[in-house]
Amino acid sequence: MLFRRRTKLHPIKRLREILWPSMGWGRTWDYIRHRMFRRSDSSYSITAGLAAGVAVSFSPIMGTHIVQAAGVALVTRANVFAGAIGTLFGNPTTFPMIWWASYQLGAFIIGLFWDVRMVELPDHITFAFLMAHPYKIFLPMMVGGYTLALVSWPVAYLICYWPVKQMQKAYHAERLQKLRDKILHREHAAREKGDNTD
């Protein structure tokens, strides 16, 4: 769902699939849960992956968040799939606030060390102005965005660790119970077959 598809979706359909999955939220959650917990990864690995995805959502380089999350996950020995899921923190409802906070923080940091006038914006911003001076927006967003990314990683990790640990425990207990039920069913079927042949 989140990675390769047999047929590529149009960007609008892809956005709609993220906001409202065609398979339904129940099946989507089961799929994500299975993909995330089926391996014997530690709670650290999964939580660190989610935190990586949340952190890179503050990057202003759109279209690269999953790649960045995978890179951070590999460096921190985290779950790459969890990193991809974590990037869902950056979405049409959160991006406006993320971009605003990134720009404001970036402009503040730049003002501490350099001349803030280099990134000052006029009262009336036009598209032509942005095309002529892209750094006035992009530079503060880069500085502020990656600063927020560094801060958000440990915050996201601390928030997610305990819920992830509990969900992981519940998932493996559920899988173990299903395996036991399957074994008991086979044993029962074998006994019935043996009784019928006597």
N, C-alpha and C. Protein backbone atom coordinates (compact mmCIF):
# COMPACT_ATOMS: atom_id res chain seq x y z
N MET A 1 0.82 -1.21 0.00
CA MET A 1 0.00 0.00 0.00
C MET A 1 0.85 1.25 0.00
N LEU A 2 1.86 1.27 0.88
CA LEU A 2 2.67 2.48 1.00
C LEU A 2 3.89 2.45 0.10
N PHE A 3 4.21 1.28 -0.48
CA PHE A 3 5.40 1.20 -1.28
C PHE A 3 5.04 0.98 -2.75
N ARG A 4 5.42 -0.13 -3.35
CA ARG A 4 5.20 -0.32 -4.78
C ARG A 4 3.79 -0.82 -5.05
N ARG A 5 3.23 -0.38 -6.16
CA ARG A 5 1.94 -0.86 -6.64
C ARG A 5 2.13 -1.36 -8.05
N ARG A 6 1.25 -2.25 -8.48
CA ARG A 6 1.34 -2.74 -9.86
C ARG A 6 1.03 -1.63 -10.85
N THR A 7 0.04 -0.81 -10.52
CA THR A 7 -0.29 0.34 -11.36
C THR A 7 -0.13 1.61 -10.53
N LYS A 8 0.61 2.56 -11.07
CA LYS A 8 0.85 3.80 -10.34
C LYS A 8 -0.43 4.64 -10.27
N LEU A 9 -0.65 5.23 -9.10
CA LEU A 9 -1.83 6.07 -8.91
C LEU A 9 -1.53 7.51 -9.29
N HIS A 10 -2.55 8.19 -9.78
CA HIS A 10 -2.46 9.63 -10.00
C HIS A 10 -2.26 10.30 -8.64
N PRO A 11 -1.47 11.40 -8.57
CA PRO A 11 -1.22 12.06 -7.28
C PRO A 11 -2.49 12.36 -6.48
N ILE A 12 -3.57 12.77 -7.16
CA ILE A 12 -4.82 13.06 -6.45
C ILE A 12 -5.39 11.79 -5.84
N LYS A 13 -5.37 10.70 -6.60
CA LYS A 13 -5.88 9.42 -6.10
C LYS A 13 -5.00 8.89 -4.98
N ARG A 14 -3.69 9.15 -5.10
CA ARG A 14 -2.77 8.70 -4.05
C ARG A 14 -3.06 9.44 -2.74
N LEU A 15 -3.31 10.76 -2.85
CA LEU A 15 -3.66 11.54 -1.66
C LEU A 15 -4.96 11.04 -1.04
N ARG A 16 -5.95 10.76 -1.90
CA ARG A 16 -7.23 10.25 -1.41
C ARG A 16 -7.06 8.89 -0.74
N GLU A 17 -6.16 8.07 -1.28
CA GLU A 17 -5.91 6.75 -0.70
C GLU A 17 -5.29 6.88 0.69
N ILE A 18 -4.44 7.90 0.87
CA ILE A 18 -3.83 8.13 2.19
C ILE A 18 -4.87 8.62 3.19
N LEU A 19 -5.72 9.57 2.73
CA LEU A 19 -6.70 10.16 3.64
C LEU A 19 -7.88 9.23 3.91
N TRP A 20 -8.26 8.43 2.89
CA TRP A 20 -9.40 7.53 3.05
C TRP A 20 -9.13 6.25 2.24
N PRO A 21 -8.44 5.28 2.83
CA PRO A 21 -8.04 4.06 2.10
C PRO A 21 -9.22 3.32 1.50
N SER A 22 -9.05 2.83 0.26
CA SER A 22 -10.14 2.12 -0.42
C SER A 22 -10.46 0.80 0.26
N MET A 23 -9.48 0.18 0.92
CA MET A 23 -9.72 -1.09 1.60
C MET A 23 -10.40 -0.90 2.95
N GLY A 24 -10.60 0.35 3.37
CA GLY A 24 -11.23 0.62 4.67
C GLY A 24 -10.19 0.74 5.76
N TRP A 25 -10.54 1.52 6.80
CA TRP A 25 -9.57 1.77 7.87
C TRP A 25 -9.26 0.52 8.67
N GLY A 26 -10.25 -0.36 8.84
CA GLY A 26 -10.02 -1.59 9.62
C GLY A 26 -8.97 -2.47 8.98
N ARG A 27 -9.13 -2.76 7.70
CA ARG A 27 -8.17 -3.61 6.99
C ARG A 27 -6.82 -2.91 6.85
N THR A 28 -6.86 -1.59 6.66
CA THR A 28 -5.60 -0.84 6.55
C THR A 28 -4.81 -0.93 7.85
N TRP A 29 -5.51 -0.77 8.99
CA TRP A 29 -4.84 -0.88 10.28
C TRP A 29 -4.29 -2.28 10.50
N ASP A 30 -5.06 -3.32 10.11
CA ASP A 30 -4.57 -4.70 10.25
C ASP A 30 -3.32 -4.92 9.41
N TYR A 31 -3.31 -4.35 8.21
CA TYR A 31 -2.15 -4.48 7.32
C TYR A 31 -0.92 -3.81 7.93
N ILE A 32 -1.10 -2.57 8.39
CA ILE A 32 0.02 -1.83 8.99
C ILE A 32 0.53 -2.56 10.23
N ARG A 33 -0.39 -3.00 11.07
CA ARG A 33 -0.03 -3.71 12.30
C ARG A 33 0.75 -4.98 11.99
N HIS A 34 0.29 -5.72 11.00
CA HIS A 34 0.98 -6.97 10.63
C HIS A 34 2.38 -6.69 10.09
N ARG A 35 2.47 -5.71 9.19
CA ARG A 35 3.78 -5.38 8.60
C ARG A 35 4.76 -4.87 9.65
N MET A 36 4.26 -4.15 10.63
CA MET A 36 5.14 -3.53 11.61
C MET A 36 5.60 -4.51 12.69
N PHE A 37 4.71 -5.41 13.09
CA PHE A 37 5.01 -6.27 14.25
C PHE A 37 5.35 -7.72 13.90
N ARG A 38 5.23 -8.12 12.62
CA ARG A 38 5.39 -9.54 12.30
C ARG A 38 6.82 -10.03 12.52
N ARG A 39 7.79 -9.15 12.35
CA ARG A 39 9.18 -9.53 12.59
C ARG A 39 9.49 -9.43 14.08
N SER A 40 10.64 -9.95 14.43
CA SER A 40 11.02 -9.95 15.85
C SER A 40 11.80 -8.70 16.22
N ASP A 41 11.45 -7.57 15.58
CA ASP A 41 12.13 -6.32 15.90
C ASP A 41 11.81 -5.89 17.33
N SER A 42 12.75 -5.22 17.95
CA SER A 42 12.55 -4.75 19.32
C SER A 42 11.60 -3.56 19.33
N SER A 43 11.09 -3.26 20.52
CA SER A 43 10.24 -2.07 20.67
C SER A 43 11.02 -0.81 20.31
N TYR A 44 12.32 -0.82 20.62
CA TYR A 44 13.17 0.33 20.26
C TYR A 44 13.17 0.52 18.75
N SER A 45 13.37 -0.59 18.00
CA SER A 45 13.48 -0.50 16.55
C SER A 45 12.22 0.10 15.92
N ILE A 46 11.07 -0.37 16.36
CA ILE A 46 9.81 0.11 15.80
C ILE A 46 9.55 1.56 16.20
N THR A 47 9.76 1.86 17.49
CA THR A 47 9.51 3.23 17.97
C THR A 47 10.48 4.22 17.35
N ALA A 48 11.74 3.83 17.22
CA ALA A 48 12.73 4.71 16.59
C ALA A 48 12.38 4.96 15.13
N GLY A 49 11.83 3.94 14.46
CA GLY A 49 11.39 4.13 13.08
C GLY A 49 10.26 5.14 12.98
N LEU A 50 9.27 5.01 13.86
CA LEU A 50 8.17 5.97 13.87
C LEU A 50 8.68 7.38 14.16
N ALA A 51 9.59 7.49 15.12
CA ALA A 51 10.16 8.80 15.47
C ALA A 51 10.92 9.40 14.29
N ALA A 52 11.61 8.55 13.53
CA ALA A 52 12.34 9.03 12.35
C ALA A 52 11.37 9.61 11.33
N GLY A 53 10.25 8.92 11.12
CA GLY A 53 9.25 9.42 10.17
C GLY A 53 8.65 10.74 10.60
N VAL A 54 8.36 10.86 11.89
CA VAL A 54 7.82 12.11 12.42
C VAL A 54 8.84 13.24 12.24
N ALA A 55 10.10 12.94 12.56
CA ALA A 55 11.15 13.96 12.50
C ALA A 55 11.33 14.51 11.09
N VAL A 56 11.43 13.62 10.10
CA VAL A 56 11.69 14.09 8.73
C VAL A 56 10.48 14.78 8.12
N SER A 57 9.31 14.66 8.76
CA SER A 57 8.13 15.38 8.27
C SER A 57 8.34 16.89 8.36
N PHE A 58 9.29 17.32 9.18
CA PHE A 58 9.58 18.75 9.30
C PHE A 58 10.52 19.24 8.20
N SER A 59 11.03 18.33 7.39
CA SER A 59 11.89 18.74 6.29
C SER A 59 11.06 19.44 5.21
N PRO A 60 11.54 20.57 4.69
CA PRO A 60 10.78 21.26 3.64
C PRO A 60 10.97 20.65 2.26
N ILE A 61 11.81 19.62 2.16
CA ILE A 61 12.07 18.99 0.86
C ILE A 61 10.97 17.96 0.61
N MET A 62 9.89 18.40 0.01
CA MET A 62 8.74 17.54 -0.21
C MET A 62 9.06 16.44 -1.21
N GLY A 63 8.40 15.30 -1.02
CA GLY A 63 8.60 14.17 -1.92
C GLY A 63 9.75 13.28 -1.55
N THR A 64 10.50 13.66 -0.50
CA THR A 64 11.66 12.85 -0.10
C THR A 64 11.53 12.33 1.33
N HIS A 65 10.39 12.53 1.95
CA HIS A 65 10.25 12.18 3.37
C HIS A 65 10.44 10.69 3.64
N ILE A 66 9.87 9.83 2.80
CA ILE A 66 10.03 8.39 3.01
C ILE A 66 11.48 7.98 2.83
N VAL A 67 12.15 8.56 1.83
CA VAL A 67 13.57 8.25 1.61
C VAL A 67 14.40 8.72 2.79
N GLN A 68 14.13 9.93 3.27
CA GLN A 68 14.86 10.45 4.44
C GLN A 68 14.59 9.59 5.68
N ALA A 69 13.33 9.19 5.87
CA ALA A 69 12.98 8.36 7.03
C ALA A 69 13.70 7.02 6.96
N ALA A 70 13.79 6.45 5.77
CA ALA A 70 14.50 5.17 5.60
C ALA A 70 15.98 5.34 5.93
N GLY A 71 16.56 6.46 5.50
CA GLY A 71 17.97 6.72 5.80
C GLY A 71 18.22 6.86 7.28
N VAL A 72 17.36 7.63 7.96
CA VAL A 72 17.51 7.80 9.41
C VAL A 72 17.30 6.47 10.12
N ALA A 73 16.32 5.69 9.65
CA ALA A 73 16.04 4.39 10.27
C ALA A 73 17.24 3.45 10.13
N LEU A 74 17.86 3.45 8.97
CA LEU A 74 19.03 2.58 8.77
C LEU A 74 20.19 2.99 9.66
N VAL A 75 20.40 4.30 9.78
CA VAL A 75 21.50 4.80 10.61
C VAL A 75 21.27 4.47 12.09
N THR A 76 20.02 4.57 12.53
CA THR A 76 19.69 4.32 13.95
C THR A 76 19.28 2.87 14.21
N ARG A 77 19.41 2.02 13.19
CA ARG A 77 19.03 0.60 13.29
C ARG A 77 17.57 0.44 13.70
N ALA A 78 16.74 1.21 13.04
CA ALA A 78 15.31 1.19 13.32
C ALA A 78 14.56 0.48 12.20
N ASN A 79 13.29 0.25 12.42
CA ASN A 79 12.42 -0.42 11.46
C ASN A 79 12.08 0.56 10.33
N VAL A 80 12.46 0.20 9.10
CA VAL A 80 12.27 1.10 7.95
C VAL A 80 10.79 1.29 7.65
N PHE A 81 10.00 0.22 7.74
CA PHE A 81 8.56 0.33 7.48
C PHE A 81 7.91 1.28 8.49
N ALA A 82 8.31 1.16 9.75
CA ALA A 82 7.79 2.07 10.77
C ALA A 82 8.16 3.51 10.44
N GLY A 83 9.35 3.71 9.87
CA GLY A 83 9.75 5.05 9.45
C GLY A 83 8.82 5.61 8.40
N ALA A 84 8.43 4.76 7.43
CA ALA A 84 7.50 5.20 6.39
C ALA A 84 6.14 5.56 6.99
N ILE A 85 5.68 4.76 7.95
CA ILE A 85 4.41 5.05 8.62
C ILE A 85 4.50 6.37 9.39
N GLY A 86 5.63 6.61 10.02
CA GLY A 86 5.81 7.84 10.79
C GLY A 86 5.72 9.10 9.95
N THR A 87 6.04 9.00 8.65
CA THR A 87 5.97 10.19 7.79
C THR A 87 4.53 10.65 7.58
N LEU A 88 3.56 9.80 7.93
CA LEU A 88 2.16 10.21 7.81
C LEU A 88 1.82 11.33 8.79
N PHE A 89 2.73 11.60 9.73
CA PHE A 89 2.56 12.76 10.61
C PHE A 89 2.51 14.03 9.77
N GLY A 90 3.29 14.05 8.70
CA GLY A 90 3.25 15.18 7.77
C GLY A 90 2.16 14.94 6.74
N ASN A 91 1.09 15.68 6.80
CA ASN A 91 -0.05 15.50 5.90
C ASN A 91 -0.71 16.86 5.67
N PRO A 92 -1.69 16.93 4.78
CA PRO A 92 -2.30 18.23 4.47
C PRO A 92 -2.85 18.99 5.67
N THR A 93 -3.18 18.30 6.74
CA THR A 93 -3.71 19.00 7.92
C THR A 93 -2.61 19.55 8.82
N THR A 94 -1.42 18.93 8.78
CA THR A 94 -0.33 19.38 9.66
C THR A 94 0.72 20.22 8.95
N PHE A 95 0.83 20.09 7.63
CA PHE A 95 1.88 20.81 6.91
C PHE A 95 1.80 22.33 7.07
N PRO A 96 0.64 22.96 7.01
CA PRO A 96 0.62 24.42 7.19
C PRO A 96 1.26 24.87 8.50
N MET A 97 0.94 24.18 9.60
CA MET A 97 1.53 24.53 10.89
C MET A 97 3.03 24.21 10.92
N ILE A 98 3.41 23.06 10.32
CA ILE A 98 4.82 22.68 10.27
C ILE A 98 5.62 23.72 9.51
N TRP A 99 5.12 24.14 8.35
CA TRP A 99 5.84 25.12 7.53
C TRP A 99 5.93 26.47 8.23
N TRP A 100 4.84 26.89 8.85
CA TRP A 100 4.85 28.17 9.56
C TRP A 100 5.86 28.14 10.70
N ALA A 101 5.82 27.07 11.51
CA ALA A 101 6.75 26.96 12.65
C ALA A 101 8.19 26.86 12.17
N SER A 102 8.42 26.11 11.09
CA SER A 102 9.77 25.97 10.55
C SER A 102 10.32 27.31 10.09
N TYR A 103 9.49 28.07 9.36
CA TYR A 103 9.95 29.37 8.87
C TYR A 103 10.24 30.33 10.02
N GLN A 104 9.32 30.42 10.98
CA GLN A 104 9.50 31.35 12.09
C GLN A 104 10.74 31.01 12.91
N LEU A 105 10.93 29.73 13.21
CA LEU A 105 12.10 29.33 13.99
C LEU A 105 13.37 29.55 13.20
N GLY A 106 13.34 29.21 11.91
CA GLY A 106 14.52 29.39 11.06
C GLY A 106 14.92 30.85 10.95
N ALA A 107 13.94 31.74 10.75
CA ALA A 107 14.23 33.17 10.66
C ALA A 107 14.81 33.69 11.97
N PHE A 108 14.29 33.18 13.09
CA PHE A 108 14.80 33.59 14.41
C PHE A 108 16.25 33.15 14.59
N ILE A 109 16.56 31.90 14.23
CA ILE A 109 17.93 31.38 14.38
C ILE A 109 18.88 32.15 13.48
N ILE A 110 18.47 32.40 12.24
CA ILE A 110 19.32 33.15 11.31
C ILE A 110 19.57 34.55 11.85
N GLY A 111 18.55 35.16 12.45
CA GLY A 111 18.71 36.50 13.02
C GLY A 111 19.68 36.55 14.18
N LEU A 112 19.88 35.41 14.86
CA LEU A 112 20.82 35.37 15.98
C LEU A 112 22.27 35.40 15.52
N PHE A 113 22.53 34.84 14.34
CA PHE A 113 23.91 34.68 13.88
C PHE A 113 24.26 35.53 12.65
N TRP A 114 23.25 35.88 11.86
CA TRP A 114 23.50 36.67 10.66
C TRP A 114 22.51 37.84 10.61
N ASP A 115 22.57 38.58 9.54
CA ASP A 115 21.66 39.71 9.35
C ASP A 115 20.29 39.17 8.95
N VAL A 116 19.30 39.41 9.78
CA VAL A 116 17.96 38.87 9.53
C VAL A 116 17.35 39.43 8.26
N ARG A 117 17.87 40.55 7.77
CA ARG A 117 17.32 41.15 6.56
C ARG A 117 17.50 40.26 5.34
N MET A 118 18.45 39.33 5.42
CA MET A 118 18.69 38.44 4.28
C MET A 118 17.50 37.50 4.03
N VAL A 119 16.65 37.31 5.06
CA VAL A 119 15.49 36.44 4.87
C VAL A 119 14.17 37.16 5.15
N GLU A 120 14.23 38.48 5.29
CA GLU A 120 13.00 39.25 5.53
C GLU A 120 12.12 39.21 4.29
N LEU A 121 10.82 39.13 4.51
CA LEU A 121 9.86 39.11 3.42
C LEU A 121 9.11 40.43 3.36
N PRO A 122 8.73 40.86 2.17
CA PRO A 122 7.94 42.10 2.06
C PRO A 122 6.52 41.87 2.58
N ASP A 123 5.81 42.96 2.80
CA ASP A 123 4.43 42.86 3.31
C ASP A 123 3.53 42.13 2.32
N HIS A 124 3.75 42.34 1.04
CA HIS A 124 2.94 41.70 0.00
C HIS A 124 3.85 40.79 -0.83
N ILE A 125 3.67 39.49 -0.65
CA ILE A 125 4.51 38.51 -1.34
C ILE A 125 3.83 38.10 -2.63
N THR A 126 4.59 38.14 -3.71
CA THR A 126 4.08 37.70 -5.00
C THR A 126 4.84 36.45 -5.44
N PHE A 127 4.25 35.74 -6.38
CA PHE A 127 4.89 34.54 -6.91
C PHE A 127 6.21 34.90 -7.59
N ALA A 128 6.22 36.04 -8.29
CA ALA A 128 7.43 36.49 -8.97
C ALA A 128 8.55 36.76 -7.97
N PHE A 129 8.19 37.33 -6.80
CA PHE A 129 9.19 37.59 -5.77
C PHE A 129 9.79 36.28 -5.26
N LEU A 130 8.93 35.29 -5.02
CA LEU A 130 9.42 34.00 -4.52
C LEU A 130 10.32 33.31 -5.54
N MET A 131 9.99 33.44 -6.83
CA MET A 131 10.82 32.84 -7.87
C MET A 131 12.17 33.54 -7.96
N ALA A 132 12.18 34.85 -7.69
CA ALA A 132 13.43 35.61 -7.77
C ALA A 132 14.28 35.46 -6.51
N HIS A 133 13.63 35.20 -5.36
CA HIS A 133 14.35 35.08 -4.09
C HIS A 133 13.90 33.83 -3.32
N PRO A 134 14.09 32.64 -3.89
CA PRO A 134 13.60 31.42 -3.22
C PRO A 134 14.25 31.18 -1.86
N TYR A 135 15.49 31.63 -1.70
CA TYR A 135 16.21 31.36 -0.45
C TYR A 135 15.57 32.07 0.74
N LYS A 136 14.83 33.17 0.48
CA LYS A 136 14.21 33.90 1.59
C LYS A 136 13.14 33.06 2.30
N ILE A 137 12.58 32.10 1.58
CA ILE A 137 11.63 31.17 2.19
C ILE A 137 12.33 29.85 2.53
N PHE A 138 13.07 29.34 1.55
CA PHE A 138 13.63 27.99 1.68
C PHE A 138 14.71 27.90 2.76
N LEU A 139 15.58 28.91 2.86
CA LEU A 139 16.67 28.85 3.85
C LEU A 139 16.14 28.82 5.28
N PRO A 140 15.23 29.74 5.66
CA PRO A 140 14.68 29.66 7.03
C PRO A 140 13.94 28.35 7.29
N MET A 141 13.22 27.84 6.27
CA MET A 141 12.50 26.58 6.46
C MET A 141 13.44 25.41 6.63
N MET A 142 14.57 25.44 5.94
CA MET A 142 15.58 24.38 6.09
C MET A 142 16.16 24.42 7.50
N VAL A 143 16.58 25.62 7.93
CA VAL A 143 17.19 25.76 9.26
C VAL A 143 16.19 25.40 10.35
N GLY A 144 14.99 25.98 10.26
CA GLY A 144 13.98 25.71 11.28
C GLY A 144 13.43 24.30 11.22
N GLY A 145 13.24 23.79 10.00
CA GLY A 145 12.67 22.46 9.83
C GLY A 145 13.56 21.37 10.42
N TYR A 146 14.85 21.44 10.12
CA TYR A 146 15.74 20.39 10.63
C TYR A 146 16.05 20.58 12.12
N THR A 147 15.93 21.81 12.61
CA THR A 147 16.04 22.02 14.06
C THR A 147 14.86 21.36 14.77
N LEU A 148 13.65 21.56 14.23
CA LEU A 148 12.47 20.92 14.79
C LEU A 148 12.54 19.40 14.65
N ALA A 149 13.16 18.93 13.58
CA ALA A 149 13.32 17.48 13.40
C ALA A 149 14.17 16.89 14.51
N LEU A 150 15.27 17.57 14.84
CA LEU A 150 16.15 17.09 15.92
C LEU A 150 15.42 17.06 17.26
N VAL A 151 14.55 18.04 17.47
CA VAL A 151 13.81 18.10 18.74
C VAL A 151 12.68 17.07 18.76
N SER A 152 12.02 16.89 17.62
CA SER A 152 10.83 16.03 17.58
C SER A 152 11.16 14.55 17.68
N TRP A 153 12.37 14.14 17.27
CA TRP A 153 12.71 12.71 17.32
C TRP A 153 12.60 12.17 18.74
N PRO A 154 13.31 12.73 19.73
CA PRO A 154 13.19 12.18 21.09
C PRO A 154 11.79 12.34 21.67
N VAL A 155 11.10 13.44 21.32
CA VAL A 155 9.74 13.64 21.83
C VAL A 155 8.81 12.55 21.29
N ALA A 156 8.88 12.31 19.97
CA ALA A 156 8.04 11.27 19.36
C ALA A 156 8.39 9.89 19.92
N TYR A 157 9.67 9.66 20.15
CA TYR A 157 10.10 8.36 20.69
C TYR A 157 9.50 8.14 22.08
N LEU A 158 9.59 9.14 22.93
CA LEU A 158 9.07 9.02 24.30
C LEU A 158 7.55 8.83 24.31
N ILE A 159 6.86 9.51 23.40
CA ILE A 159 5.40 9.40 23.34
C ILE A 159 4.97 8.03 22.83
N CYS A 160 5.70 7.50 21.85
CA CYS A 160 5.28 6.27 21.17
C CYS A 160 5.77 4.98 21.82
N TYR A 161 6.83 5.05 22.63
CA TYR A 161 7.47 3.81 23.09
C TYR A 161 6.52 2.89 23.84
N TRP A 162 5.83 3.39 24.86
CA TRP A 162 4.98 2.54 25.68
C TRP A 162 3.80 1.98 24.88
N PRO A 163 3.06 2.80 24.10
CA PRO A 163 1.98 2.23 23.28
C PRO A 163 2.48 1.17 22.30
N VAL A 164 3.64 1.40 21.68
CA VAL A 164 4.20 0.42 20.75
C VAL A 164 4.51 -0.88 21.47
N LYS A 165 5.10 -0.79 22.63
CA LYS A 165 5.46 -1.98 23.41
C LYS A 165 4.21 -2.80 23.74
N GLN A 166 3.13 -2.12 24.14
CA GLN A 166 1.89 -2.81 24.48
C GLN A 166 1.23 -3.43 23.25
N MET A 167 1.21 -2.70 22.13
CA MET A 167 0.63 -3.23 20.90
C MET A 167 1.42 -4.42 20.38
N GLN A 168 2.75 -4.34 20.49
CA GLN A 168 3.61 -5.44 20.05
C GLN A 168 3.34 -6.69 20.88
N LYS A 169 3.21 -6.51 22.19
CA LYS A 169 2.94 -7.63 23.08
C LYS A 169 1.58 -8.26 22.75
N ALA A 170 0.57 -7.41 22.53
CA ALA A 170 -0.77 -7.91 22.21
C ALA A 170 -0.78 -8.63 20.87
N TYR A 171 -0.04 -8.11 19.89
CA TYR A 171 0.01 -8.73 18.57
C TYR A 171 0.60 -10.13 18.64
N HIS A 172 1.73 -10.28 19.33
CA HIS A 172 2.37 -11.59 19.40
C HIS A 172 1.55 -12.57 20.24
N ALA A 173 0.86 -12.08 21.27
CA ALA A 173 -0.02 -12.95 22.05
C ALA A 173 -1.17 -13.44 21.19
N GLU A 174 -1.70 -12.56 20.36
CA GLU A 174 -2.79 -12.92 19.45
C GLU A 174 -2.33 -13.95 18.43
N ARG A 175 -1.14 -13.74 17.87
CA ARG A 175 -0.58 -14.69 16.89
C ARG A 175 -0.34 -16.05 17.53
N LEU A 176 0.18 -16.05 18.76
CA LEU A 176 0.44 -17.30 19.46
C LEU A 176 -0.86 -18.05 19.74
N GLN A 177 -1.90 -17.32 20.12
CA GLN A 177 -3.19 -17.95 20.39
C GLN A 177 -3.77 -18.55 19.12
N LYS A 178 -3.64 -17.84 18.00
CA LYS A 178 -4.13 -18.36 16.72
C LYS A 178 -3.39 -19.63 16.33
N LEU A 179 -2.07 -19.67 16.59
CA LEU A 179 -1.27 -20.85 16.30
C LEU A 179 -1.72 -22.03 17.16
N ARG A 180 -1.96 -21.77 18.44
CA ARG A 180 -2.44 -22.83 19.34
C ARG A 180 -3.80 -23.35 18.89
N ASP A 181 -4.69 -22.43 18.52
CA ASP A 181 -6.02 -22.84 18.06
C ASP A 181 -5.92 -23.69 16.80
N LYS A 182 -5.00 -23.33 15.90
CA LYS A 182 -4.82 -24.09 14.67
C LYS A 182 -4.32 -25.51 14.97
N ILE A 183 -3.36 -25.61 15.90
CA ILE A 183 -2.82 -26.92 16.28
C ILE A 183 -3.91 -27.78 16.92
N LEU A 184 -4.70 -27.18 17.82
CA LEU A 184 -5.78 -27.92 18.48
C LEU A 184 -6.83 -28.37 17.47
N HIS A 185 -7.12 -27.51 16.48
CA HIS A 185 -8.09 -27.86 15.45
C HIS A 185 -7.59 -29.05 14.63
N ARG A 186 -6.30 -29.05 14.28
CA ARG A 186 -5.74 -30.15 13.50
C ARG A 186 -5.75 -31.44 14.31
N GLU A 187 -5.40 -31.33 15.60
CA GLU A 187 -5.41 -32.53 16.46
C GLU A 187 -6.82 -33.09 16.59
N HIS A 188 -7.79 -32.19 16.73
CA HIS A 188 -9.18 -32.61 16.85
C HIS A 188 -9.65 -33.29 15.56
N ALA A 189 -9.28 -32.70 14.42
CA ALA A 189 -9.66 -33.27 13.13
C ALA A 189 -9.00 -34.63 12.93
N ALA A 190 -7.74 -34.77 13.37
CA ALA A 190 -7.03 -36.05 13.24
C ALA A 190 -7.68 -37.12 14.10
N ARG A 191 -8.12 -36.75 15.32
CA ARG A 191 -8.78 -37.71 16.21
C ARG A 191 -10.12 -38.17 15.63
N GLU A 192 -10.85 -37.20 15.08
CA GLU A 192 -12.14 -37.55 14.48
C GLU A 192 -11.96 -38.48 13.29
N LYS A 193 -10.92 -38.22 12.50
CA LYS A 193 -10.64 -39.07 11.34
C LYS A 193 -10.26 -40.47 11.80
N GLY A 194 -9.46 -40.54 12.90
CA GLY A 194 -9.07 -41.85 13.43
C GLY A 194 -10.25 -42.61 13.98
N ASP A 195 -11.19 -41.91 14.64
CA ASP A 195 -12.38 -42.57 15.19
C ASP A 195 -13.27 -43.10 14.08
N ASN A 196 -13.32 -42.37 12.96
CA ASN A 196 -14.17 -42.79 11.85
C ASN A 196 -13.63 -44.01 11.13
N THR A 197 -12.31 -44.20 11.17
CA THR A 197 -11.70 -45.35 10.49
C THR A 197 -11.76 -46.61 11.32
N ASP A 198 -12.00 -46.46 12.63
CA ASP A 198 -12.05 -47.65 13.51
C ASP A 198 -13.33 -48.45 13.27
